[in-house]
Amino acid sequence: MPKLYSGKEIEKRLIRLGFEEVSQKGSHLKMTRTIKGRRRVVIIPMHKEVALGTLKSVLRQAGISKEVLDGAK
């Protein structure tokens, strides 16, 4: 079974990759980063465990692979 991340852990790793916190509404955190002239907006659910499908959606929004996220310890 793949390792599940918490919302807080995803947030910390995205900050290390250059994302910035923009706002939070309820349990959802909004982060942004400009990559190659394009602004990436990522919405992270701040749950204890983020489901695998939700993690894949976050990675797609961020424009990164799981390996890049894993390497941003």
PDB file of N, CA and C in Angstrom:
ATOM      1  N   MET A   1       0.848  -1.185   0.000  1.00  0.00           N
ATOM      2  CA  MET A   1       0.000   0.000   0.000  1.00  0.00           C
ATOM      3  C   MET A   1       0.892   1.247   0.000  1.00  0.00           C
ATOM      4  N   PRO A   2       0.602   2.229  -0.851  1.00  0.00           N
ATOM      5  CA  PRO A   2       1.420   3.434  -0.907  1.00  0.00           C
ATOM      6  C   PRO A   2       1.306   4.256   0.370  1.00  0.00           C
ATOM      7  N   LYS A   3       2.374   5.013   0.660  1.00  0.00           N
ATOM      8  CA  LYS A   3       2.394   5.869   1.838  1.00  0.00           C
ATOM      9  C   LYS A   3       1.379   6.997   1.669  1.00  0.00           C
ATOM     10  N   LEU A   4       0.575   7.214   2.688  1.00  0.00           N
ATOM     11  CA  LEU A   4      -0.386   8.313   2.680  1.00  0.00           C
ATOM     12  C   LEU A   4       0.212   9.506   3.421  1.00  0.00           C
ATOM     13  N   TYR A   5      -0.023  10.686   2.917  1.00  0.00           N
ATOM     14  CA  TYR A   5       0.474  11.915   3.522  1.00  0.00           C
ATOM     15  C   TYR A   5      -0.660  12.636   4.232  1.00  0.00           C
ATOM     16  N   SER A   6      -0.303  13.408   5.256  1.00  0.00           N
ATOM     17  CA  SER A   6      -1.284  14.300   5.871  1.00  0.00           C
ATOM     18  C   SER A   6      -1.276  15.610   5.085  1.00  0.00           C
ATOM     19  N   GLY A   7      -2.312  16.402   5.245  1.00  0.00           N
ATOM     20  CA  GLY A   7      -2.359  17.696   4.579  1.00  0.00           C
ATOM     21  C   GLY A   7      -1.201  18.584   5.012  1.00  0.00           C
ATOM     22  N   LYS A   8      -0.854  18.534   6.300  1.00  0.00           N
ATOM     23  CA  LYS A   8       0.242  19.342   6.838  1.00  0.00           C
ATOM     24  C   LYS A   8       1.572  18.932   6.214  1.00  0.00           C
ATOM     25  N   GLU A   9       1.780  17.631   6.025  1.00  0.00           N
ATOM     26  CA  GLU A   9       3.018  17.127   5.426  1.00  0.00           C
ATOM     27  C   GLU A   9       3.133  17.567   3.960  1.00  0.00           C
ATOM     28  N   ILE A  10       2.029  17.516   3.229  1.00  0.00           N
ATOM     29  CA  ILE A  10       2.030  17.980   1.835  1.00  0.00           C
ATOM     30  C   ILE A  10       2.350  19.473   1.801  1.00  0.00           C
ATOM     31  N   GLU A  11       1.747  20.243   2.705  1.00  0.00           N
ATOM     32  CA  GLU A  11       2.005  21.688   2.770  1.00  0.00           C
ATOM     33  C   GLU A  11       3.493  21.962   2.982  1.00  0.00           C
ATOM     34  N   LYS A  12       4.116  21.295   3.950  1.00  0.00           N
ATOM     35  CA  LYS A  12       5.538  21.508   4.244  1.00  0.00           C
ATOM     36  C   LYS A  12       6.407  21.198   3.033  1.00  0.00           C
ATOM     37  N   ARG A  13       6.100  20.108   2.343  1.00  0.00           N
ATOM     38  CA  ARG A  13       6.907  19.718   1.183  1.00  0.00           C
ATOM     39  C   ARG A  13       6.726  20.689   0.022  1.00  0.00           C
ATOM     40  N   LEU A  14       5.508  21.179  -0.186  1.00  0.00           N
ATOM     41  CA  LEU A  14       5.283  22.148  -1.262  1.00  0.00           C
ATOM     42  C   LEU A  14       5.966  23.483  -0.955  1.00  0.00           C
ATOM     43  N   ILE A  15       6.019  23.874   0.309  1.00  0.00           N
ATOM     44  CA  ILE A  15       6.744  25.090   0.688  1.00  0.00           C
ATOM     45  C   ILE A  15       8.220  24.939   0.333  1.00  0.00           C
ATOM     46  N   ARG A  16       8.792  23.769   0.589  1.00  0.00           N
ATOM     47  CA  ARG A  16      10.196  23.517   0.234  1.00  0.00           C
ATOM     48  C   ARG A  16      10.415  23.577  -1.274  1.00  0.00           C
ATOM     49  N   LEU A  17       9.354  23.341  -2.043  1.00  0.00           N
ATOM     50  CA  LEU A  17       9.443  23.395  -3.504  1.00  0.00           C
ATOM     51  C   LEU A  17       9.106  24.786  -4.057  1.00  0.00           C
ATOM     52  N   GLY A  18       8.894  25.755  -3.166  1.00  0.00           N
ATOM     53  CA  GLY A  18       8.683  27.126  -3.613  1.00  0.00           C
ATOM     54  C   GLY A  18       7.247  27.612  -3.637  1.00  0.00           C
ATOM     55  N   PHE A  19       6.309  26.810  -3.172  1.00  0.00           N
ATOM     56  CA  PHE A  19       4.912  27.243  -3.118  1.00  0.00           C
ATOM     57  C   PHE A  19       4.705  28.145  -1.903  1.00  0.00           C
ATOM     58  N   GLU A  20       3.745  29.050  -2.007  1.00  0.00           N
ATOM     59  CA  GLU A  20       3.412  29.965  -0.917  1.00  0.00           C
ATOM     60  C   GLU A  20       1.943  29.823  -0.548  1.00  0.00           C
ATOM     61  N   GLU A  21       1.675  29.934   0.749  1.00  0.00           N
ATOM     62  CA  GLU A  21       0.290  29.880   1.220  1.00  0.00           C
ATOM     63  C   GLU A  21      -0.407  31.183   0.856  1.00  0.00           C
ATOM     64  N   VAL A  22      -1.588  31.057   0.247  1.00  0.00           N
ATOM     65  CA  VAL A  22      -2.360  32.232  -0.153  1.00  0.00           C
ATOM     66  C   VAL A  22      -3.513  32.455   0.811  1.00  0.00           C
ATOM     67  N   SER A  23      -4.295  31.402   1.063  1.00  0.00           N
ATOM     68  CA  SER A  23      -5.441  31.530   1.955  1.00  0.00           C
ATOM     69  C   SER A  23      -5.873  30.149   2.426  1.00  0.00           C
ATOM     70  N   GLN A  24      -6.755  30.164   3.409  1.00  0.00           N
ATOM     71  CA  GLN A  24      -7.349  28.918   3.880  1.00  0.00           C
ATOM     72  C   GLN A  24      -8.810  29.183   4.168  1.00  0.00           C
ATOM     73  N   LYS A  25      -9.651  28.254   3.709  1.00  0.00           N
ATOM     74  CA  LYS A  25     -11.082  28.365   3.956  1.00  0.00           C
ATOM     75  C   LYS A  25     -11.538  27.023   4.499  1.00  0.00           C
ATOM     76  N   GLY A  26     -11.918  27.007   5.756  1.00  0.00           N
ATOM     77  CA  GLY A  26     -12.289  25.743   6.383  1.00  0.00           C
ATOM     78  C   GLY A  26     -11.079  24.835   6.472  1.00  0.00           C
ATOM     79  N   SER A  27     -11.213  23.621   5.963  1.00  0.00           N
ATOM     80  CA  SER A  27     -10.113  22.660   6.034  1.00  0.00           C
ATOM     81  C   SER A  27      -9.312  22.593   4.739  1.00  0.00           C
ATOM     82  N   HIS A  28      -9.470  23.579   3.855  1.00  0.00           N
ATOM     83  CA  HIS A  28      -8.762  23.560   2.574  1.00  0.00           C
ATOM     84  C   HIS A  28      -7.800  24.741   2.472  1.00  0.00           C
ATOM     85  N   LEU A  29      -6.540  24.416   2.180  1.00  0.00           N
ATOM     86  CA  LEU A  29      -5.472  25.403   2.061  1.00  0.00           C
ATOM     87  C   LEU A  29      -5.188  25.669   0.592  1.00  0.00           C
ATOM     88  N   LYS A  30      -5.018  26.930   0.241  1.00  0.00           N
ATOM     89  CA  LYS A  30      -4.721  27.322  -1.140  1.00  0.00           C
ATOM     90  C   LYS A  30      -3.271  27.799  -1.198  1.00  0.00           C
ATOM     91  N   MET A  31      -2.485  27.216  -2.122  1.00  0.00           N
ATOM     92  CA  MET A  31      -1.084  27.587  -2.302  1.00  0.00           C
ATOM     93  C   MET A  31      -0.831  27.898  -3.770  1.00  0.00           C
ATOM     94  N   THR A  32       0.151  28.777  -4.039  1.00  0.00           N
ATOM     95  CA  THR A  32       0.479  29.112  -5.425  1.00  0.00           C
ATOM     96  C   THR A  32       1.990  29.134  -5.634  1.00  0.00           C
ATOM     97  N   ARG A  33       2.380  29.011  -6.904  1.00  0.00           N
ATOM     98  CA  ARG A  33       3.775  29.139  -7.337  1.00  0.00           C
ATOM     99  C   ARG A  33       3.754  29.421  -8.836  1.00  0.00           C
ATOM    100  N   THR A  34       4.643  30.295  -9.281  1.00  0.00           N
ATOM    101  CA  THR A  34       4.768  30.562 -10.711  1.00  0.00           C
ATOM    102  C   THR A  34       5.884  29.686 -11.260  1.00  0.00           C
ATOM    103  N   ILE A  35       5.535  28.842 -12.234  1.00  0.00           N
ATOM    104  CA  ILE A  35       6.488  27.931 -12.861  1.00  0.00           C
ATOM    105  C   ILE A  35       6.476  28.206 -14.358  1.00  0.00           C
ATOM    106  N   LYS A  36       7.638  28.554 -14.905  1.00  0.00           N
ATOM    107  CA  LYS A  36       7.780  28.820 -16.339  1.00  0.00           C
ATOM    108  C   LYS A  36       6.734  29.829 -16.831  1.00  0.00           C
ATOM    109  N   GLY A  37       6.531  30.884 -16.051  1.00  0.00           N
ATOM    110  CA  GLY A  37       5.594  31.929 -16.448  1.00  0.00           C
ATOM    111  C   GLY A  37       4.129  31.607 -16.228  1.00  0.00           C
ATOM    112  N   ARG A  38       3.835  30.420 -15.720  1.00  0.00           N
ATOM    113  CA  ARG A  38       2.438  30.036 -15.453  1.00  0.00           C
ATOM    114  C   ARG A  38       2.223  29.918 -13.953  1.00  0.00           C
ATOM    115  N   ARG A  39       1.126  30.474 -13.500  1.00  0.00           N
ATOM    116  CA  ARG A  39       0.796  30.413 -12.081  1.00  0.00           C
ATOM    117  C   ARG A  39       0.079  29.105 -11.783  1.00  0.00           C
ATOM    118  N   ARG A  40       0.615  28.358 -10.840  1.00  0.00           N
ATOM    119  CA  ARG A  40       0.002  27.099 -10.404  1.00  0.00           C
ATOM    120  C   ARG A  40      -0.734  27.344  -9.098  1.00  0.00           C
ATOM    121  N   VAL A  41      -1.987  26.951  -9.034  1.00  0.00           N
ATOM    122  CA  VAL A  41      -2.791  27.060  -7.821  1.00  0.00           C
ATOM    123  C   VAL A  41      -3.107  25.648  -7.360  1.00  0.00           C
ATOM    124  N   VAL A  42      -2.814  25.372  -6.094  1.00  0.00           N
ATOM    125  CA  VAL A  42      -3.015  24.037  -5.534  1.00  0.00           C
ATOM    126  C   VAL A  42      -3.930  24.155  -4.318  1.00  0.00           C
ATOM    127  N   ILE A  43      -4.931  23.306  -4.259  1.00  0.00           N
ATOM    128  CA  ILE A  43      -5.835  23.244  -3.107  1.00  0.00           C
ATOM    129  C   ILE A  43      -5.522  21.957  -2.350  1.00  0.00           C
ATOM    130  N   ILE A  44      -5.193  22.085  -1.059  1.00  0.00           N
ATOM    131  CA  ILE A  44      -4.828  20.929  -0.238  1.00  0.00           C
ATOM    132  C   ILE A  44      -5.854  20.755   0.873  1.00  0.00           C
ATOM    133  N   PRO A  45      -6.480  19.569   0.971  1.00  0.00           N
ATOM    134  CA  PRO A  45      -7.361  19.309   2.112  1.00  0.00           C
ATOM    135  C   PRO A  45      -6.495  19.025   3.337  1.00  0.00           C
ATOM    136  N   MET A  46      -6.720  19.729   4.422  1.00  0.00           N
ATOM    137  CA  MET A  46      -5.890  19.578   5.613  1.00  0.00           C
ATOM    138  C   MET A  46      -6.443  18.460   6.505  1.00  0.00           C
ATOM    139  N   HIS A  47      -6.405  17.242   5.981  1.00  0.00           N
ATOM    140  CA  HIS A  47      -6.885  16.069   6.702  1.00  0.00           C
ATOM    141  C   HIS A  47      -5.709  15.299   7.283  1.00  0.00           C
ATOM    142  N   LYS A  48      -5.988  14.397   8.234  1.00  0.00           N
ATOM    143  CA  LYS A  48      -4.923  13.575   8.820  1.00  0.00           C
ATOM    144  C   LYS A  48      -4.295  12.677   7.772  1.00  0.00           C
ATOM    145  N   GLU A  49      -5.105  12.124   6.899  1.00  0.00           N
ATOM    146  CA  GLU A  49      -4.618  11.309   5.782  1.00  0.00           C
ATOM    147  C   GLU A  49      -5.340  11.757   4.520  1.00  0.00           C
ATOM    148  N   VAL A  50      -4.554  12.086   3.493  1.00  0.00           N
ATOM    149  CA  VAL A  50      -5.120  12.497   2.208  1.00  0.00           C
ATOM    150  C   VAL A  50      -5.199  11.255   1.329  1.00  0.00           C
ATOM    151  N   ALA A  51      -6.373  10.969   0.795  1.00  0.00           N
ATOM    152  CA  ALA A  51      -6.588   9.780  -0.035  1.00  0.00           C
ATOM    153  C   ALA A  51      -5.674   9.814  -1.263  1.00  0.00           C
ATOM    154  N   LEU A  52      -5.337   8.644  -1.783  1.00  0.00           N
ATOM    155  CA  LEU A  52      -4.418   8.524  -2.911  1.00  0.00           C
ATOM    156  C   LEU A  52      -4.902   9.299  -4.134  1.00  0.00           C
ATOM    157  N   GLY A  53      -6.181   9.195  -4.466  1.00  0.00           N
ATOM    158  CA  GLY A  53      -6.727   9.920  -5.613  1.00  0.00           C
ATOM    159  C   GLY A  53      -6.646  11.428  -5.426  1.00  0.00           C
ATOM    160  N   THR A  54      -6.861  11.884  -4.198  1.00  0.00           N
ATOM    161  CA  THR A  54      -6.760  13.312  -3.890  1.00  0.00           C
ATOM    162  C   THR A  54      -5.313  13.773  -3.999  1.00  0.00           C
ATOM    163  N   LEU A  55      -4.379  12.946  -3.530  1.00  0.00           N
ATOM    164  CA  LEU A  55      -2.954  13.267  -3.649  1.00  0.00           C
ATOM    165  C   LEU A  55      -2.557  13.401  -5.117  1.00  0.00           C
ATOM    166  N   LYS A  56      -3.044  12.501  -5.952  1.00  0.00           N
ATOM    167  CA  LYS A  56      -2.745  12.575  -7.387  1.00  0.00           C
ATOM    168  C   LYS A  56      -3.278  13.872  -7.985  1.00  0.00           C
ATOM    169  N   SER A  57      -4.448  14.302  -7.539  1.00  0.00           N
ATOM    170  CA  SER A  57      -5.027  15.559  -8.014  1.00  0.00           C
ATOM    171  C   SER A  57      -4.169  16.749  -7.580  1.00  0.00           C
ATOM    172  N   VAL A  58      -3.695  16.739  -6.341  1.00  0.00           N
ATOM    173  CA  VAL A  58      -2.824  17.806  -5.835  1.00  0.00           C
ATOM    174  C   VAL A  58      -1.538  17.860  -6.658  1.00  0.00           C
ATOM    175  N   LEU A  59      -0.956  16.692  -6.945  1.00  0.00           N
ATOM    176  CA  LEU A  59       0.279  16.633  -7.731  1.00  0.00           C
ATOM    177  C   LEU A  59       0.053  17.160  -9.146  1.00  0.00           C
ATOM    178  N   ARG A  60      -1.080  16.824  -9.735  1.00  0.00           N
ATOM    179  CA  ARG A  60      -1.413  17.301 -11.083  1.00  0.00           C
ATOM    180  C   ARG A  60      -1.567  18.830 -11.067  1.00  0.00           C
ATOM    181  N   GLN A  61      -2.252  19.361 -10.060  1.00  0.00           N
ATOM    182  CA  GLN A  61      -2.412  20.812  -9.931  1.00  0.00           C
ATOM    183  C   GLN A  61      -1.053  21.504  -9.766  1.00  0.00           C
ATOM    184  N   ALA A  62      -0.152  20.867  -9.007  1.00  0.00           N
ATOM    185  CA  ALA A  62       1.165  21.452  -8.733  1.00  0.00           C
ATOM    186  C   ALA A  62       2.120  21.292  -9.909  1.00  0.00           C
ATOM    187  N   GLY A  63       1.829  20.352 -10.800  1.00  0.00           N
ATOM    188  CA  GLY A  63       2.702  20.115 -11.942  1.00  0.00           C
ATOM    189  C   GLY A  63       3.968  19.376 -11.573  1.00  0.00           C
ATOM    190  N   ILE A  64       3.886  18.520 -10.535  1.00  0.00           N
ATOM    191  CA  ILE A  64       5.049  17.755 -10.092  1.00  0.00           C
ATOM    192  C   ILE A  64       4.692  16.277  -9.996  1.00  0.00           C
ATOM    193  N   SER A  65       5.718  15.436  -9.892  1.00  0.00           N
ATOM    194  CA  SER A  65       5.499  13.997  -9.739  1.00  0.00           C
ATOM    195  C   SER A  65       5.581  13.622  -8.258  1.00  0.00           C
ATOM    196  N   LYS A  66       5.149  12.415  -7.939  1.00  0.00           N
ATOM    197  CA  LYS A  66       5.216  11.928  -6.560  1.00  0.00           C
ATOM    198  C   LYS A  66       6.667  11.827  -6.109  1.00  0.00           C
ATOM    199  N   GLU A  67       7.566  11.487  -7.046  1.00  0.00           N
ATOM    200  CA  GLU A  67       8.983  11.375  -6.713  1.00  0.00           C
ATOM    201  C   GLU A  67       9.549  12.726  -6.280  1.00  0.00           C
ATOM    202  N   VAL A  68       9.126  13.797  -6.948  1.00  0.00           N
ATOM    203  CA  VAL A  68       9.576  15.147  -6.575  1.00  0.00           C
ATOM    204  C   VAL A  68       9.054  15.487  -5.182  1.00  0.00           C
ATOM    205  N   LEU A  69       7.793  15.164  -4.906  1.00  0.00           N
ATOM    206  CA  LEU A  69       7.218  15.421  -3.586  1.00  0.00           C
ATOM    207  C   LEU A  69       7.951  14.607  -2.526  1.00  0.00           C
ATOM    208  N   ASP A  70       8.236  13.337  -2.820  1.00  0.00           N
ATOM    209  CA  ASP A  70       8.959  12.483  -1.876  1.00  0.00           C
ATOM    210  C   ASP A  70      10.352  13.034  -1.582  1.00  0.00           C
ATOM    211  N   GLY A  71      10.998  13.612  -2.584  1.00  0.00           N
ATOM    212  CA  GLY A  71      12.350  14.137  -2.426  1.00  0.00           C
ATOM    213  C   GLY A  71      12.424  15.464  -1.694  1.00  0.00           C
ATOM    214  N   ALA A  72      11.305  16.109  -1.467  1.00  0.00           N
ATOM    215  CA  ALA A  72      11.278  17.426  -0.804  1.00  0.00           C
ATOM    216  C   ALA A  72      11.092  17.276   0.697  1.00  0.00           C
ATOM    217  N   LYS A  73      11.877  16.415   1.309  1.00  0.00           N
ATOM    218  CA  LYS A  73      11.737  16.156   2.758  1.00  0.00           C
ATOM    219  C   LYS A  73      12.234  17.307   3.580  1.00  0.00           C
TER     220      LYS A  73
END
